[in-house]
Amino acid sequence: MMVLVVTACPAGLRGDLTKWLMEVAPGVFVGRPSARIRDLLWDRTEELLQQGRAILVYSTDNEQGMEFRTHLSDWTPTDFDGLTLMMRDTRAGAGTARRNTGWSIARNARRARRSHG
């Protein structure tokens, strides 16, 4: 079994993928191609997907029963004591938004009204 999720997918790539896989939702392709076809589809995806992202999950004979591949994604498969985990790059400027800490503006305004009235 294989699941391929793509974003910003050009029409030509979508056509190539639907020859071998079913598109069950926009940008989500599922199927059971052979390993050779799966690798060829992944190569084609990397070739045509210039600005979009892709994540491939496919079943294999290991402890987890699956493996991952990514293309231009913030998430990268990382080996952790024999298990493959998806790790997100959290370095500054890696596409993650800065979390706002502290009280909200509305809460501060309510508190100011209560103390003045």
Protein backbone atom coordinates (compact mmCIF):
# COMPACT_ATOMS: atom_id res chain seq x y z
CA MET A 1 0.00 0.00 0.00
CA MET A 2 1.21 3.47 -0.80
CA VAL A 3 -0.07 6.96 0.03
CA LEU A 4 1.33 10.03 -1.72
CA VAL A 5 0.28 13.51 -0.60
CA VAL A 6 1.23 16.45 -2.83
CA THR A 7 0.60 20.20 -2.69
CA ALA A 8 0.84 22.67 -5.59
CA CYS A 9 0.66 19.73 -7.99
CA PRO A 10 0.93 20.54 -11.72
CA ALA A 11 -1.72 19.00 -13.99
CA GLY A 12 0.83 16.84 -15.82
CA LEU A 13 1.97 15.19 -12.61
CA ARG A 14 -1.61 14.62 -11.50
CA GLY A 15 -2.27 12.84 -14.79
CA ASP A 16 0.82 10.65 -14.39
CA LEU A 17 -0.16 9.70 -10.85
CA THR A 18 -3.77 8.86 -11.71
CA LYS A 19 -2.58 6.27 -14.24
CA TRP A 20 -1.33 4.14 -11.34
CA LEU A 21 -3.05 5.48 -8.21
CA MET A 22 -6.51 6.62 -7.11
CA GLU A 23 -6.96 10.24 -6.06
CA VAL A 24 -9.18 9.93 -2.98
CA ALA A 25 -9.02 13.63 -2.06
CA PRO A 26 -7.38 16.63 -3.71
CA GLY A 27 -3.66 15.88 -3.72
CA VAL A 28 -3.98 12.52 -1.91
CA PHE A 29 -3.14 9.46 -4.02
CA VAL A 30 -3.50 5.84 -2.84
CA GLY A 31 -2.64 2.54 -4.47
CA ARG A 32 -0.67 -0.71 -4.52
CA PRO A 33 1.90 -0.37 -7.31
CA SER A 34 5.01 -2.53 -7.46
CA ALA A 35 8.22 -1.23 -5.87
CA ARG A 36 9.63 -0.38 -9.28
CA ILE A 37 6.56 1.65 -10.28
CA ARG A 38 6.49 3.33 -6.85
CA ASP A 39 10.12 4.44 -7.27
CA LEU A 40 9.45 5.69 -10.81
CA LEU A 41 6.40 7.64 -9.60
CA TRP A 42 8.46 9.19 -6.81
CA ASP A 43 11.22 10.18 -9.26
CA ARG A 44 8.59 11.73 -11.53
CA THR A 45 7.05 13.56 -8.57
CA GLU A 46 10.40 15.05 -7.54
CA GLU A 47 11.10 16.03 -11.14
CA LEU A 48 7.81 17.85 -11.79
CA LEU A 49 7.02 19.19 -8.33
CA GLN A 50 9.19 22.29 -8.26
CA GLN A 51 7.45 24.50 -5.70
CA GLY A 52 5.05 22.09 -4.02
CA ARG A 53 5.65 19.53 -1.31
CA ALA A 54 5.29 15.78 -1.31
CA ILE A 55 5.19 13.08 1.34
CA LEU A 56 5.22 9.40 0.42
CA VAL A 57 4.31 6.65 2.88
CA TYR A 58 4.52 3.05 1.74
CA SER A 59 4.35 -0.34 3.40
CA THR A 60 7.51 -2.40 3.77
CA ASP A 61 8.89 -5.28 5.79
CA ASN A 62 10.34 -3.58 8.88
CA GLU A 63 9.37 -3.02 12.53
CA GLN A 64 6.93 -0.23 11.74
CA GLY A 65 5.62 -1.79 8.56
CA MET A 66 6.13 1.45 6.61
CA GLU A 67 8.70 3.92 5.32
CA PHE A 68 8.56 7.62 4.47
CA ARG A 69 10.01 9.91 1.81
CA THR A 70 9.65 13.69 1.67
CA HIS A 71 10.27 16.38 -0.93
CA LEU A 72 10.57 20.08 0.03
CA SER A 73 8.84 19.44 3.35
CA ASP A 74 9.43 20.89 6.82
CA TRP A 75 9.13 17.32 8.11
CA THR A 76 12.01 14.89 7.59
CA PRO A 77 12.14 11.16 8.36
CA THR A 78 14.71 10.59 11.11
CA ASP A 79 15.99 7.28 12.47
CA PHE A 80 15.61 7.12 16.25
CA ASP A 81 16.85 3.85 17.76
CA GLY A 82 15.62 1.83 14.81
CA LEU A 83 12.28 3.63 14.44
CA THR A 84 11.66 6.21 11.76
CA LEU A 85 10.05 9.30 13.23
CA MET A 86 9.00 12.46 11.44
CA MET A 87 10.96 15.40 12.79
CA ARG A 88 10.10 19.02 12.13
CA ASP A 89 12.88 21.56 11.63
CA THR A 90 12.39 24.09 14.45
CA ARG A 91 15.41 26.30 13.81
CA ALA A 92 14.75 30.03 13.51
CA GLY A 93 13.46 30.98 10.09
CA ALA A 94 12.57 27.42 9.14
CA GLY A 95 8.98 28.37 8.35
CA THR A 96 7.55 28.05 11.84
CA ALA A 97 5.60 30.97 13.22
CA ARG A 98 6.75 32.58 16.44
CA ARG A 99 4.39 31.78 19.26
CA ASN A 100 2.83 34.79 20.91
CA THR A 101 3.17 34.62 24.68
CA GLY A 102 1.51 36.75 27.33
CA TRP A 103 -1.98 38.13 27.70
CA SER A 104 -4.25 39.03 24.80
CA ILE A 105 -5.07 42.62 23.88
CA ALA A 106 -8.74 42.04 24.76
CA ARG A 107 -7.83 40.75 28.23
CA ASN A 108 -5.59 43.75 28.87
CA ALA A 109 -8.37 46.14 27.75
CA ARG A 110 -10.92 44.48 30.08
CA ARG A 111 -8.50 44.67 32.97
CA ALA A 112 -7.80 48.35 32.29
CA ARG A 113 -11.54 49.16 32.20
CA ARG A 114 -12.12 47.39 35.52
CA SER A 115 -9.28 49.19 37.28
CA HIS A 116 -10.41 52.62 36.05
CA GLY A 117 -14.11 52.29 36.64
